[in-house]
């Protein structure tokens, strides 16, 4: 799991990458909650997330709720395919309230998601 925080006068850009799984949940929680404390507004880029499980999703939900409880904005952007699939599976996209951009069809895949 990779976490990179850039703070620009209270507006933070956070880039997450690698696996957001149970094995990285404690480190992810510490990094995100710490960043929420330093930022008035936070944007978390998920485009480099290669894998996410329920524990990773729970930490994102915790960060979103912590930001809301402290009157701070937190937005998720650049959802990777694994993140989009998990949000769809648990019907959680509405909780975050951020637009989820659906990428164009991948080469070698049919419209229904199967291999061509």
PDB file of N, CA and C in Angstrom:
ATOM      1  N   UNK A   1       0.846  -1.168   0.000  1.00  0.00           N
ATOM      2  CA  UNK A   1       0.000   0.000   0.000  1.00  0.00           C
ATOM      3  C   UNK A   1       0.891   1.230   0.000  1.00  0.00           C
ATOM      4  N   UNK A   2       0.534   2.166  -0.837  1.00  0.00           N
ATOM      5  CA  UNK A   2       1.269   3.424  -0.926  1.00  0.00           C
ATOM      6  C   UNK A   2       0.321   4.571  -0.615  1.00  0.00           C
ATOM      7  N   UNK A   3       0.812   5.547   0.151  1.00  0.00           N
ATOM      8  CA  UNK A   3       0.029   6.742   0.445  1.00  0.00           C
ATOM      9  C   UNK A   3       0.942   7.949   0.309  1.00  0.00           C
ATOM     10  N   UNK A   4       0.502   8.900  -0.495  1.00  0.00           N
ATOM     11  CA  UNK A   4       1.276  10.117  -0.735  1.00  0.00           C
ATOM     12  C   UNK A   4       0.347  11.302  -0.496  1.00  0.00           C
ATOM     13  N   UNK A   5       0.693  12.154   0.464  1.00  0.00           N
ATOM     14  CA  UNK A   5      -0.131  13.311   0.820  1.00  0.00           C
ATOM     15  C   UNK A   5       0.613  14.582   0.460  1.00  0.00           C
ATOM     16  N   UNK A   6      -0.042  15.440  -0.310  1.00  0.00           N
ATOM     17  CA  UNK A   6       0.506  16.757  -0.627  1.00  0.00           C
ATOM     18  C   UNK A   6      -0.468  17.799  -0.094  1.00  0.00           C
ATOM     19  N   UNK A   7       0.012  18.614   0.850  1.00  0.00           N
ATOM     20  CA  UNK A   7      -0.812  19.634   1.480  1.00  0.00           C
ATOM     21  C   UNK A   7      -0.471  20.988   0.876  1.00  0.00           C
ATOM     22  N   UNK A   8      -1.474  21.644   0.302  1.00  0.00           N
ATOM     23  CA  UNK A   8      -1.307  22.951  -0.303  1.00  0.00           C
ATOM     24  C   UNK A   8      -2.252  23.922   0.403  1.00  0.00           C
ATOM     25  N   UNK A   9      -1.775  24.522   1.485  1.00  0.00           N
ATOM     26  CA  UNK A   9      -2.571  25.484   2.266  1.00  0.00           C
ATOM     27  C   UNK A   9      -3.907  24.915   2.728  1.00  0.00           C
ATOM     28  N   UNK A  10      -3.881  23.698   3.254  1.00  0.00           N
ATOM     29  CA  UNK A  10      -5.096  23.092   3.780  1.00  0.00           C
ATOM     30  C   UNK A  10      -5.878  22.263   2.790  1.00  0.00           C
ATOM     31  N   UNK A  11      -5.540  22.333   1.527  1.00  0.00           N
ATOM     32  CA  UNK A  11      -6.180  21.487   0.501  1.00  0.00           C
ATOM     33  C   UNK A  11      -5.215  20.354   0.201  1.00  0.00           C
ATOM     34  N   UNK A  12      -5.616  19.146   0.521  1.00  0.00           N
ATOM     35  CA  UNK A  12      -4.720  18.001   0.388  1.00  0.00           C
ATOM     36  C   UNK A  12      -5.101  17.113  -0.785  1.00  0.00           C
ATOM     37  N   UNK A  13      -4.092  16.700  -1.498  1.00  0.00           N
ATOM     38  CA  UNK A  13      -4.241  15.702  -2.558  1.00  0.00           C
ATOM     39  C   UNK A  13      -3.575  14.438  -2.041  1.00  0.00           C
ATOM     40  N   UNK A  14      -4.356  13.399  -1.912  1.00  0.00           N
ATOM     41  CA  UNK A  14      -3.850  12.123  -1.400  1.00  0.00           C
ATOM     42  C   UNK A  14      -3.916  11.109  -2.536  1.00  0.00           C
ATOM     43  N   UNK A  15      -2.799  10.470  -2.812  1.00  0.00           N
ATOM     44  CA  UNK A  15      -2.754   9.419  -3.829  1.00  0.00           C
ATOM     45  C   UNK A  15      -2.537   8.094  -3.116  1.00  0.00           C
ATOM     46  N   UNK A  16      -3.460   7.161  -3.325  1.00  0.00           N
ATOM     47  CA  UNK A  16      -3.330   5.826  -2.762  1.00  0.00           C
ATOM     48  C   UNK A  16      -2.989   4.861  -3.886  1.00  0.00           C
ATOM     49  N   UNK A  17      -2.159   3.878  -3.579  1.00  0.00           N
ATOM     50  CA  UNK A  17      -1.800   2.904  -4.590  1.00  0.00           C
ATOM     51  C   UNK A  17      -1.529   1.549  -3.984  1.00  0.00           C
ATOM     52  N   UNK A  18      -1.505   0.553  -4.830  1.00  0.00           N
ATOM     53  CA  UNK A  18      -1.246  -0.806  -4.384  1.00  0.00           C
ATOM     54  C   UNK A  18      -2.494  -1.450  -3.823  1.00  0.00           C
ATOM     55  N   UNK A  19      -2.288  -2.296  -2.838  1.00  0.00           N
ATOM     56  CA  UNK A  19      -3.382  -3.076  -2.260  1.00  0.00           C
ATOM     57  C   UNK A  19      -3.917  -2.427  -0.983  1.00  0.00           C
ATOM     58  N   UNK A  20      -5.194  -2.092  -0.995  1.00  0.00           N
ATOM     59  CA  UNK A  20      -5.871  -1.569   0.193  1.00  0.00           C
ATOM     60  C   UNK A  20      -6.661  -2.729   0.782  1.00  0.00           C
ATOM     61  N   UNK A  21      -5.953  -3.585   1.488  1.00  0.00           N
ATOM     62  CA  UNK A  21      -6.548  -4.798   2.028  1.00  0.00           C
ATOM     63  C   UNK A  21      -6.380  -4.832   3.537  1.00  0.00           C
ATOM     64  N   UNK A  22      -6.866  -5.887   4.130  1.00  0.00           N
ATOM     65  CA  UNK A  22      -6.787  -6.042   5.574  1.00  0.00           C
ATOM     66  C   UNK A  22      -5.354  -5.946   6.079  1.00  0.00           C
ATOM     67  N   UNK A  23      -4.405  -6.337   5.234  1.00  0.00           N
ATOM     68  CA  UNK A  23      -3.003  -6.321   5.644  1.00  0.00           C
ATOM     69  C   UNK A  23      -2.442  -4.902   5.748  1.00  0.00           C
ATOM     70  N   UNK A  24      -3.087  -3.939   5.106  1.00  0.00           N
ATOM     71  CA  UNK A  24      -2.619  -2.554   5.135  1.00  0.00           C
ATOM     72  C   UNK A  24      -3.609  -1.625   5.832  1.00  0.00           C
ATOM     73  N   UNK A  25      -4.694  -2.178   6.376  1.00  0.00           N
ATOM     74  CA  UNK A  25      -5.771  -1.350   6.927  1.00  0.00           C
ATOM     75  C   UNK A  25      -5.311  -0.438   8.057  1.00  0.00           C
ATOM     76  N   UNK A  26      -4.500  -0.945   8.972  1.00  0.00           N
ATOM     77  CA  UNK A  26      -4.049  -0.119  10.107  1.00  0.00           C
ATOM     78  C   UNK A  26      -3.199   1.051   9.622  1.00  0.00           C
ATOM     79  N   UNK A  27      -2.284   0.785   8.692  1.00  0.00           N
ATOM     80  CA  UNK A  27      -1.433   1.850   8.145  1.00  0.00           C
ATOM     81  C   UNK A  27      -2.273   2.856   7.356  1.00  0.00           C
ATOM     82  N   UNK A  28      -3.229   2.350   6.589  1.00  0.00           N
ATOM     83  CA  UNK A  28      -4.106   3.224   5.807  1.00  0.00           C
ATOM     84  C   UNK A  28      -4.939   4.107   6.726  1.00  0.00           C
ATOM     85  N   UNK A  29      -5.505   3.515   7.774  1.00  0.00           N
ATOM     86  CA  UNK A  29      -6.314   4.277   8.733  1.00  0.00           C
ATOM     87  C   UNK A  29      -5.494   5.392   9.360  1.00  0.00           C
ATOM     88  N   UNK A  30      -4.306   5.066   9.827  1.00  0.00           N
ATOM     89  CA  UNK A  30      -3.441   6.066  10.455  1.00  0.00           C
ATOM     90  C   UNK A  30      -3.113   7.203   9.481  1.00  0.00           C
ATOM     91  N   UNK A  31      -2.781   6.860   8.255  1.00  0.00           N
ATOM     92  CA  UNK A  31      -2.430   7.875   7.260  1.00  0.00           C
ATOM     93  C   UNK A  31      -3.593   8.775   6.884  1.00  0.00           C
ATOM     94  N   UNK A  32      -4.769   8.181   6.662  1.00  0.00           N
ATOM     95  CA  UNK A  32      -5.926   8.985   6.243  1.00  0.00           C
ATOM     96  C   UNK A  32      -6.484   9.835   7.370  1.00  0.00           C
ATOM     97  N   UNK A  33      -6.602   9.272   8.561  1.00  0.00           N
ATOM     98  CA  UNK A  33      -7.133  10.047   9.687  1.00  0.00           C
ATOM     99  C   UNK A  33      -6.170  11.185  10.025  1.00  0.00           C
ATOM    100  N   UNK A  34      -4.872  10.922   9.961  1.00  0.00           N
ATOM    101  CA  UNK A  34      -3.885  11.979  10.181  1.00  0.00           C
ATOM    102  C   UNK A  34      -3.991  13.086   9.153  1.00  0.00           C
ATOM    103  N   UNK A  35      -4.190  12.700   7.899  1.00  0.00           N
ATOM    104  CA  UNK A  35      -4.316  13.694   6.829  1.00  0.00           C
ATOM    105  C   UNK A  35      -5.590  14.514   6.990  1.00  0.00           C
ATOM    106  N   UNK A  36      -6.695  13.875   7.391  1.00  0.00           N
ATOM    107  CA  UNK A  36      -7.944  14.614   7.617  1.00  0.00           C
ATOM    108  C   UNK A  36      -7.726  15.679   8.682  1.00  0.00           C
ATOM    109  N   UNK A  37      -6.951  15.358   9.704  1.00  0.00           N
ATOM    110  CA  UNK A  37      -6.671  16.319  10.768  1.00  0.00           C
ATOM    111  C   UNK A  37      -5.886  17.525  10.291  1.00  0.00           C
ATOM    112  N   UNK A  38      -5.088  17.372   9.260  1.00  0.00           N
ATOM    113  CA  UNK A  38      -4.254  18.463   8.742  1.00  0.00           C
ATOM    114  C   UNK A  38      -4.902  19.255   7.616  1.00  0.00           C
ATOM    115  N   UNK A  39      -5.976  18.735   7.047  1.00  0.00           N
ATOM    116  CA  UNK A  39      -6.542  19.327   5.830  1.00  0.00           C
ATOM    117  C   UNK A  39      -7.957  19.838   6.045  1.00  0.00           C
ATOM    118  N   UNK A  40      -8.264  20.950   5.430  1.00  0.00           N
ATOM    119  CA  UNK A  40      -9.634  21.454   5.435  1.00  0.00           C
ATOM    120  C   UNK A  40     -10.453  20.758   4.354  1.00  0.00           C
ATOM    121  N   UNK A  41      -9.782  20.355   3.298  1.00  0.00           N
ATOM    122  CA  UNK A  41     -10.420  19.671   2.175  1.00  0.00           C
ATOM    123  C   UNK A  41      -9.443  18.628   1.651  1.00  0.00           C
ATOM    124  N   UNK A  42      -9.970  17.434   1.340  1.00  0.00           N
ATOM    125  CA  UNK A  42      -9.105  16.361   0.892  1.00  0.00           C
ATOM    126  C   UNK A  42      -9.692  15.672  -0.334  1.00  0.00           C
ATOM    127  N   UNK A  43      -8.810  15.403  -1.289  1.00  0.00           N
ATOM    128  CA  UNK A  43      -9.181  14.649  -2.479  1.00  0.00           C
ATOM    129  C   UNK A  43      -8.306  13.400  -2.512  1.00  0.00           C
ATOM    130  N   UNK A  44      -8.939  12.233  -2.516  1.00  0.00           N
ATOM    131  CA  UNK A  44      -8.207  10.970  -2.518  1.00  0.00           C
ATOM    132  C   UNK A  44      -8.295  10.353  -3.904  1.00  0.00           C
ATOM    133  N   UNK A  45      -7.143  10.214  -4.544  1.00  0.00           N
ATOM    134  CA  UNK A  45      -7.070   9.622  -5.876  1.00  0.00           C
ATOM    135  C   UNK A  45      -6.848   8.120  -5.722  1.00  0.00           C
ATOM    136  N   UNK A  46      -7.759   7.339  -6.292  1.00  0.00           N
ATOM    137  CA  UNK A  46      -7.732   5.884  -6.163  1.00  0.00           C
ATOM    138  C   UNK A  46      -7.331   5.187  -7.460  1.00  0.00           C
ATOM    139  N   UNK A  47      -6.809   5.924  -8.422  1.00  0.00           N
ATOM    140  CA  UNK A  47      -6.532   5.341  -9.737  1.00  0.00           C
ATOM    141  C   UNK A  47      -5.432   4.292  -9.722  1.00  0.00           C
ATOM    142  N   UNK A  48      -4.540   4.310  -8.743  1.00  0.00           N
ATOM    143  CA  UNK A  48      -3.437   3.342  -8.678  1.00  0.00           C
ATOM    144  C   UNK A  48      -3.711   2.199  -7.708  1.00  0.00           C
ATOM    145  N   UNK A  49      -4.948   2.077  -7.231  1.00  0.00           N
ATOM    146  CA  UNK A  49      -5.299   0.984  -6.326  1.00  0.00           C
ATOM    147  C   UNK A  49      -5.485  -0.290  -7.150  1.00  0.00           C
ATOM    148  N   UNK A  50      -4.653  -1.296  -6.867  1.00  0.00           N
ATOM    149  CA  UNK A  50      -4.694  -2.542  -7.630  1.00  0.00           C
ATOM    150  C   UNK A  50      -5.627  -3.578  -7.020  1.00  0.00           C
ATOM    151  N   UNK A  51      -5.915  -3.451  -5.716  1.00  0.00           N
ATOM    152  CA  UNK A  51      -6.792  -4.399  -5.034  1.00  0.00           C
ATOM    153  C   UNK A  51      -7.353  -3.713  -3.798  1.00  0.00           C
ATOM    154  N   UNK A  52      -8.611  -4.001  -3.492  1.00  0.00           N
ATOM    155  CA  UNK A  52      -9.245  -3.459  -2.296  1.00  0.00           C
ATOM    156  C   UNK A  52     -10.220  -4.502  -1.777  1.00  0.00           C
ATOM    157  N   UNK A  53     -10.258  -4.654  -0.463  1.00  0.00           N
ATOM    158  CA  UNK A  53     -11.210  -5.572   0.146  1.00  0.00           C
ATOM    159  C   UNK A  53     -12.101  -4.790   1.105  1.00  0.00           C
ATOM    160  N   UNK A  54     -12.914  -5.515   1.847  1.00  0.00           N
ATOM    161  CA  UNK A  54     -13.858  -4.876   2.760  1.00  0.00           C
ATOM    162  C   UNK A  54     -13.144  -4.024   3.812  1.00  0.00           C
ATOM    163  N   UNK A  55     -11.990  -4.465   4.286  1.00  0.00           N
ATOM    164  CA  UNK A  55     -11.251  -3.680   5.284  1.00  0.00           C
ATOM    165  C   UNK A  55     -10.801  -2.348   4.690  1.00  0.00           C
ATOM    166  N   UNK A  56     -10.320  -2.351   3.448  1.00  0.00           N
ATOM    167  CA  UNK A  56      -9.925  -1.113   2.785  1.00  0.00           C
ATOM    168  C   UNK A  56     -11.116  -0.180   2.615  1.00  0.00           C
ATOM    169  N   UNK A  57     -12.259  -0.747   2.233  1.00  0.00           N
ATOM    170  CA  UNK A  57     -13.474   0.052   2.080  1.00  0.00           C
ATOM    171  C   UNK A  57     -13.904   0.639   3.421  1.00  0.00           C
ATOM    172  N   UNK A  58     -13.810  -0.144   4.484  1.00  0.00           N
ATOM    173  CA  UNK A  58     -14.188   0.353   5.812  1.00  0.00           C
ATOM    174  C   UNK A  58     -13.325   1.542   6.224  1.00  0.00           C
ATOM    175  N   UNK A  59     -12.052   1.514   5.886  1.00  0.00           N
ATOM    176  CA  UNK A  59     -11.179   2.642   6.237  1.00  0.00           C
ATOM    177  C   UNK A  59     -11.573   3.879   5.437  1.00  0.00           C
ATOM    178  N   UNK A  60     -11.931   3.717   4.166  1.00  0.00           N
ATOM    179  CA  UNK A  60     -12.387   4.862   3.369  1.00  0.00           C
ATOM    180  C   UNK A  60     -13.680   5.440   3.955  1.00  0.00           C
ATOM    181  N   UNK A  61     -14.595   4.564   4.380  1.00  0.00           N
ATOM    182  CA  UNK A  61     -15.843   5.018   5.013  1.00  0.00           C
ATOM    183  C   UNK A  61     -15.529   5.749   6.317  1.00  0.00           C
ATOM    184  N   UNK A  62     -14.620   5.209   7.117  1.00  0.00           N
ATOM    185  CA  UNK A  62     -14.222   5.862   8.369  1.00  0.00           C
ATOM    186  C   UNK A  62     -13.646   7.250   8.103  1.00  0.00           C
ATOM    187  N   UNK A  63     -12.782   7.362   7.110  1.00  0.00           N
ATOM    188  CA  UNK A  63     -12.194   8.663   6.769  1.00  0.00           C
ATOM    189  C   UNK A  63     -13.278   9.645   6.331  1.00  0.00           C
ATOM    190  N   UNK A  64     -14.235   9.175   5.522  1.00  0.00           N
ATOM    191  CA  UNK A  64     -15.329  10.039   5.058  1.00  0.00           C
ATOM    192  C   UNK A  64     -16.163  10.522   6.247  1.00  0.00           C
ATOM    193  N   UNK A  65     -16.483   9.628   7.157  1.00  0.00           N
ATOM    194  CA  UNK A  65     -17.293   9.997   8.329  1.00  0.00           C
ATOM    195  C   UNK A  65     -16.524  10.908   9.280  1.00  0.00           C
ATOM    196  N   UNK A  66     -15.224  10.652   9.440  1.00  0.00           N
ATOM    197  CA  UNK A  66     -14.400  11.509  10.293  1.00  0.00           C
ATOM    198  C   UNK A  66     -14.323  12.920   9.711  1.00  0.00           C
ATOM    199  N   UNK A  67     -14.171  13.006   8.404  1.00  0.00           N
ATOM    200  CA  UNK A  67     -14.136  14.323   7.750  1.00  0.00           C
ATOM    201  C   UNK A  67     -15.466  15.048   7.953  1.00  0.00           C
ATOM    202  N   UNK A  68     -16.577  14.342   7.764  1.00  0.00           N
ATOM    203  CA  UNK A  68     -17.893  14.960   7.935  1.00  0.00           C
ATOM    204  C   UNK A  68     -18.103  15.414   9.381  1.00  0.00           C
ATOM    205  N   UNK A  69     -17.659  14.615  10.336  1.00  0.00           N
ATOM    206  CA  UNK A  69     -17.825  14.957  11.756  1.00  0.00           C
ATOM    207  C   UNK A  69     -17.013  16.179  12.149  1.00  0.00           C
ATOM    208  N   UNK A  70     -15.953  16.450  11.410  1.00  0.00           N
ATOM    209  CA  UNK A  70     -15.111  17.615  11.710  1.00  0.00           C
ATOM    210  C   UNK A  70     -15.327  18.741  10.697  1.00  0.00           C
ATOM    211  N   UNK A  71     -16.453  18.677   9.976  1.00  0.00           N
ATOM    212  CA  UNK A  71     -16.841  19.694   8.994  1.00  0.00           C
ATOM    213  C   UNK A  71     -15.778  19.933   7.923  1.00  0.00           C
ATOM    214  N   UNK A  72     -15.227  18.841   7.416  1.00  0.00           N
ATOM    215  CA  UNK A  72     -14.232  18.920   6.355  1.00  0.00           C
ATOM    216  C   UNK A  72     -14.733  18.142   5.149  1.00  0.00           C
ATOM    217  N   UNK A  73     -14.274  18.542   3.980  1.00  0.00           N
ATOM    218  CA  UNK A  73     -14.691  17.880   2.746  1.00  0.00           C
ATOM    219  C   UNK A  73     -13.702  16.782   2.386  1.00  0.00           C
ATOM    220  N   UNK A  74     -14.223  15.637   1.955  1.00  0.00           N
ATOM    221  CA  UNK A  74     -13.395  14.548   1.480  1.00  0.00           C
ATOM    222  C   UNK A  74     -14.034  13.993   0.219  1.00  0.00           C
ATOM    223  N   UNK A  75     -13.257  13.933  -0.851  1.00  0.00           N
ATOM    224  CA  UNK A  75     -13.763  13.461  -2.142  1.00  0.00           C
ATOM    225  C   UNK A  75     -12.887  12.334  -2.652  1.00  0.00           C
ATOM    226  N   UNK A  76     -13.518  11.329  -3.250  1.00  0.00           N
ATOM    227  CA  UNK A  76     -12.797  10.249  -3.911  1.00  0.00           C
ATOM    228  C   UNK A  76     -12.814  10.511  -5.409  1.00  0.00           C
ATOM    229  N   UNK A  77     -11.661  10.354  -6.057  1.00  0.00           N
ATOM    230  CA  UNK A  77     -11.565  10.563  -7.500  1.00  0.00           C
ATOM    231  C   UNK A  77     -10.731   9.446  -8.116  1.00  0.00           C
ATOM    232  N   UNK A  78     -10.816   9.301  -9.427  1.00  0.00           N
ATOM    233  CA  UNK A  78      -9.985   8.367 -10.167  1.00  0.00           C
ATOM    234  C   UNK A  78     -10.169   6.928  -9.740  1.00  0.00           C
ATOM    235  N   UNK A  79     -11.389   6.505  -9.514  1.00  0.00           N
ATOM    236  CA  UNK A  79     -11.672   5.153  -9.045  1.00  0.00           C
ATOM    237  C   UNK A  79     -11.089   4.104 -10.005  1.00  0.00           C
ATOM    238  N   UNK A  80     -10.234   3.227  -9.497  1.00  0.00           N
ATOM    239  CA  UNK A  80      -9.715   2.122 -10.314  1.00  0.00           C
ATOM    240  C   UNK A  80     -10.824   1.079 -10.478  1.00  0.00           C
ATOM    241  N   UNK A  81     -10.622   0.158 -11.407  1.00  0.00           N
ATOM    242  CA  UNK A  81     -11.626  -0.886 -11.634  1.00  0.00           C
ATOM    243  C   UNK A  81     -11.905  -1.690 -10.354  1.00  0.00           C
ATOM    244  N   UNK A  82     -10.882  -2.140  -9.583  1.00  0.00           N
ATOM    245  CA  UNK A  82     -11.198  -2.873  -8.352  1.00  0.00           C
ATOM    246  C   UNK A  82     -12.031  -2.052  -7.359  1.00  0.00           C
ATOM    247  N   UNK A  83     -11.756  -0.753  -7.266  1.00  0.00           N
ATOM    248  CA  UNK A  83     -12.529   0.103  -6.368  1.00  0.00           C
ATOM    249  C   UNK A  83     -13.973   0.209  -6.857  1.00  0.00           C
ATOM    250  N   UNK A  84     -14.146   0.427  -8.161  1.00  0.00           N
ATOM    251  CA  UNK A  84     -15.508   0.530  -8.709  1.00  0.00           C
ATOM    252  C   UNK A  84     -16.294  -0.759  -8.492  1.00  0.00           C
ATOM    253  N   UNK A  85     -15.637  -1.901  -8.707  1.00  0.00           N
ATOM    254  CA  UNK A  85     -16.321  -3.184  -8.523  1.00  0.00           C
ATOM    255  C   UNK A  85     -16.767  -3.378  -7.076  1.00  0.00           C
ATOM    256  N   UNK A  86     -15.923  -3.008  -6.115  1.00  0.00           N
ATOM    257  CA  UNK A  86     -16.293  -3.166  -4.711  1.00  0.00           C
ATOM    258  C   UNK A  86     -17.405  -2.192  -4.318  1.00  0.00           C
ATOM    259  N   UNK A  87     -17.331  -0.958  -4.786  1.00  0.00           N
ATOM    260  CA  UNK A  87     -18.397   0.017  -4.504  1.00  0.00           C
ATOM    261  C   UNK A  87     -19.729  -0.460  -5.079  1.00  0.00           C
ATOM    262  N   UNK A  88     -19.693  -1.047  -6.274  1.00  0.00           N
ATOM    263  CA  UNK A  88     -20.911  -1.589  -6.876  1.00  0.00           C
ATOM    264  C   UNK A  88     -21.430  -2.785  -6.085  1.00  0.00           C
ATOM    265  N   UNK A  89     -20.517  -3.686  -5.698  1.00  0.00           N
ATOM    266  CA  UNK A  89     -20.903  -4.887  -4.965  1.00  0.00           C
ATOM    267  C   UNK A  89     -21.653  -4.539  -3.686  1.00  0.00           C
ATOM    268  N   UNK A  90     -21.164  -3.549  -2.950  1.00  0.00           N
ATOM    269  CA  UNK A  90     -21.785  -3.147  -1.690  1.00  0.00           C
ATOM    270  C   UNK A  90     -22.732  -1.957  -1.831  1.00  0.00           C
ATOM    271  N   UNK A  91     -22.930  -1.485  -3.053  1.00  0.00           N
ATOM    272  CA  UNK A  91     -23.824  -0.353  -3.320  1.00  0.00           C
ATOM    273  C   UNK A  91     -23.473   0.838  -2.423  1.00  0.00           C
ATOM    274  N   UNK A  92     -22.177   1.208  -2.422  1.00  0.00           N
ATOM    275  CA  UNK A  92     -21.673   2.239  -1.519  1.00  0.00           C
ATOM    276  C   UNK A  92     -21.322   3.562  -2.209  1.00  0.00           C
ATOM    277  N   UNK A  93     -21.454   3.632  -3.529  1.00  0.00           N
ATOM    278  CA  UNK A  93     -21.045   4.849  -4.241  1.00  0.00           C
ATOM    279  C   UNK A  93     -21.800   6.074  -3.724  1.00  0.00           C
ATOM    280  N   UNK A  94     -23.075   5.922  -3.410  1.00  0.00           N
ATOM    281  CA  UNK A  94     -23.883   7.058  -2.950  1.00  0.00           C
ATOM    282  C   UNK A  94     -23.398   7.599  -1.609  1.00  0.00           C
ATOM    283  N   UNK A  95     -22.837   6.747  -0.755  1.00  0.00           N
ATOM    284  CA  UNK A  95     -22.342   7.202   0.549  1.00  0.00           C
ATOM    285  C   UNK A  95     -21.275   8.267   0.384  1.00  0.00           C
ATOM    286  N   UNK A  96     -20.410   8.085  -0.593  1.00  0.00           N
ATOM    287  CA  UNK A  96     -19.317   9.030  -0.799  1.00  0.00           C
ATOM    288  C   UNK A  96     -19.783  10.256  -1.581  1.00  0.00           C
ATOM    289  N   UNK A  97     -20.813  10.112  -2.410  1.00  0.00           N
ATOM    290  CA  UNK A  97     -21.379  11.247  -3.129  1.00  0.00           C
ATOM    291  C   UNK A  97     -20.482  11.825  -4.206  1.00  0.00           C
ATOM    292  N   UNK A  98     -19.490  11.086  -4.636  1.00  0.00           N
ATOM    293  CA  UNK A  98     -18.564  11.560  -5.661  1.00  0.00           C
ATOM    294  C   UNK A  98     -18.909  10.909  -6.988  1.00  0.00           C
ATOM    295  N   UNK A  99     -18.718  11.636  -8.094  1.00  0.00           N
ATOM    296  CA  UNK A  99     -18.985  11.023  -9.390  1.00  0.00           C
ATOM    297  C   UNK A  99     -17.994   9.896  -9.662  1.00  0.00           C
ATOM    298  N   UNK A 100     -18.513   8.785 -10.157  1.00  0.00           N
ATOM    299  CA  UNK A 100     -17.681   7.648 -10.522  1.00  0.00           C
ATOM    300  C   UNK A 100     -17.667   7.595 -12.046  1.00  0.00           C
ATOM    301  N   UNK A 101     -16.495   7.796 -12.620  1.00  0.00           N
ATOM    302  CA  UNK A 101     -16.355   7.807 -14.068  1.00  0.00           C
ATOM    303  C   UNK A 101     -16.162   6.381 -14.536  1.00  0.00           C
ATOM    304  N   UNK A 102     -17.028   5.937 -15.430  1.00  0.00           N
ATOM    305  CA  UNK A 102     -16.933   4.588 -15.982  1.00  0.00           C
ATOM    306  C   UNK A 102     -16.076   4.656 -17.228  1.00  0.00           C
ATOM    307  N   UNK A 103     -14.927   3.939 -17.226  1.00  0.00           N
ATOM    308  CA  UNK A 103     -14.032   4.006 -18.383  1.00  0.00           C
ATOM    309  C   UNK A 103     -14.627   3.312 -19.597  1.00  0.00           C
ATOM    310  N   UNK A 104     -14.087   3.625 -20.760  1.00  0.00           N
ATOM    311  CA  UNK A 104     -14.511   2.977 -21.989  1.00  0.00           C
ATOM    312  C   UNK A 104     -14.227   1.486 -21.881  1.00  0.00           C
ATOM    313  N   UNK A 105     -14.870   0.723 -22.729  1.00  0.00           N
ATOM    314  CA  UNK A 105     -14.698  -0.732 -22.724  1.00  0.00           C
ATOM    315  C   UNK A 105     -13.231  -1.093 -22.921  1.00  0.00           C
ATOM    316  N   UNK A 106     -12.759  -2.058 -22.131  1.00  0.00           N
ATOM    317  CA  UNK A 106     -11.377  -2.498 -22.230  1.00  0.00           C
ATOM    318  C   UNK A 106     -11.191  -3.302 -23.509  1.00  0.00           C
ATOM    319  N   UNK A 107     -10.017  -3.181 -24.157  1.00  0.00           N
ATOM    320  CA  UNK A 107      -9.748  -3.993 -25.340  1.00  0.00           C
ATOM    321  C   UNK A 107      -9.821  -5.480 -24.987  1.00  0.00           C
ATOM    322  N   UNK A 108     -10.410  -6.264 -25.872  1.00  0.00           N
ATOM    323  CA  UNK A 108     -10.496  -7.696 -25.656  1.00  0.00           C
ATOM    324  C   UNK A 108     -11.664  -8.124 -24.795  1.00  0.00           C
ATOM    325  N   UNK A 109     -12.554  -7.205 -24.444  1.00  0.00           N
ATOM    326  CA  UNK A 109     -13.723  -7.553 -23.635  1.00  0.00           C
ATOM    327  C   UNK A 109     -14.987  -7.223 -24.423  1.00  0.00           C
ATOM    328  N   UNK A 110     -16.017  -8.021 -24.180  1.00  0.00           N
ATOM    329  CA  UNK A 110     -17.300  -7.781 -24.816  1.00  0.00           C
ATOM    330  C   UNK A 110     -18.077  -6.767 -23.990  1.00  0.00           C
ATOM    331  N   UNK A 111     -19.192  -6.312 -24.502  1.00  0.00           N
ATOM    332  CA  UNK A 111     -19.990  -5.300 -23.811  1.00  0.00           C
ATOM    333  C   UNK A 111     -20.498  -5.795 -22.465  1.00  0.00           C
ATOM    334  N   UNK A 112     -20.729  -7.125 -22.315  1.00  0.00           N
ATOM    335  CA  UNK A 112     -21.237  -7.626 -21.044  1.00  0.00           C
ATOM    336  C   UNK A 112     -20.124  -8.002 -20.078  1.00  0.00           C
ATOM    337  N   UNK A 113     -18.856  -7.659 -20.393  1.00  0.00           N
ATOM    338  CA  UNK A 113     -17.757  -7.880 -19.479  1.00  0.00           C
ATOM    339  C   UNK A 113     -16.970  -9.148 -19.714  1.00  0.00           C
ATOM    340  N   UNK A 114     -17.464 -10.034 -20.594  1.00  0.00           N
ATOM    341  CA  UNK A 114     -16.740 -11.275 -20.876  1.00  0.00           C
ATOM    342  C   UNK A 114     -15.605 -11.033 -21.862  1.00  0.00           C
ATOM    343  N   UNK A 115     -14.767 -12.033 -21.977  1.00  0.00           N
ATOM    344  CA  UNK A 115     -13.640 -11.917 -22.918  1.00  0.00           C
ATOM    345  C   UNK A 115     -14.121 -12.171 -24.321  1.00  0.00           C
ATOM    346  N   UNK A 116     -13.528 -11.400 -25.264  1.00  0.00           N
ATOM    347  CA  UNK A 116     -13.911 -11.536 -26.673  1.00  0.00           C
ATOM    348  C   UNK A 116     -13.261 -12.744 -27.286  1.00  0.00           C
TER     349      UNK A 116
END
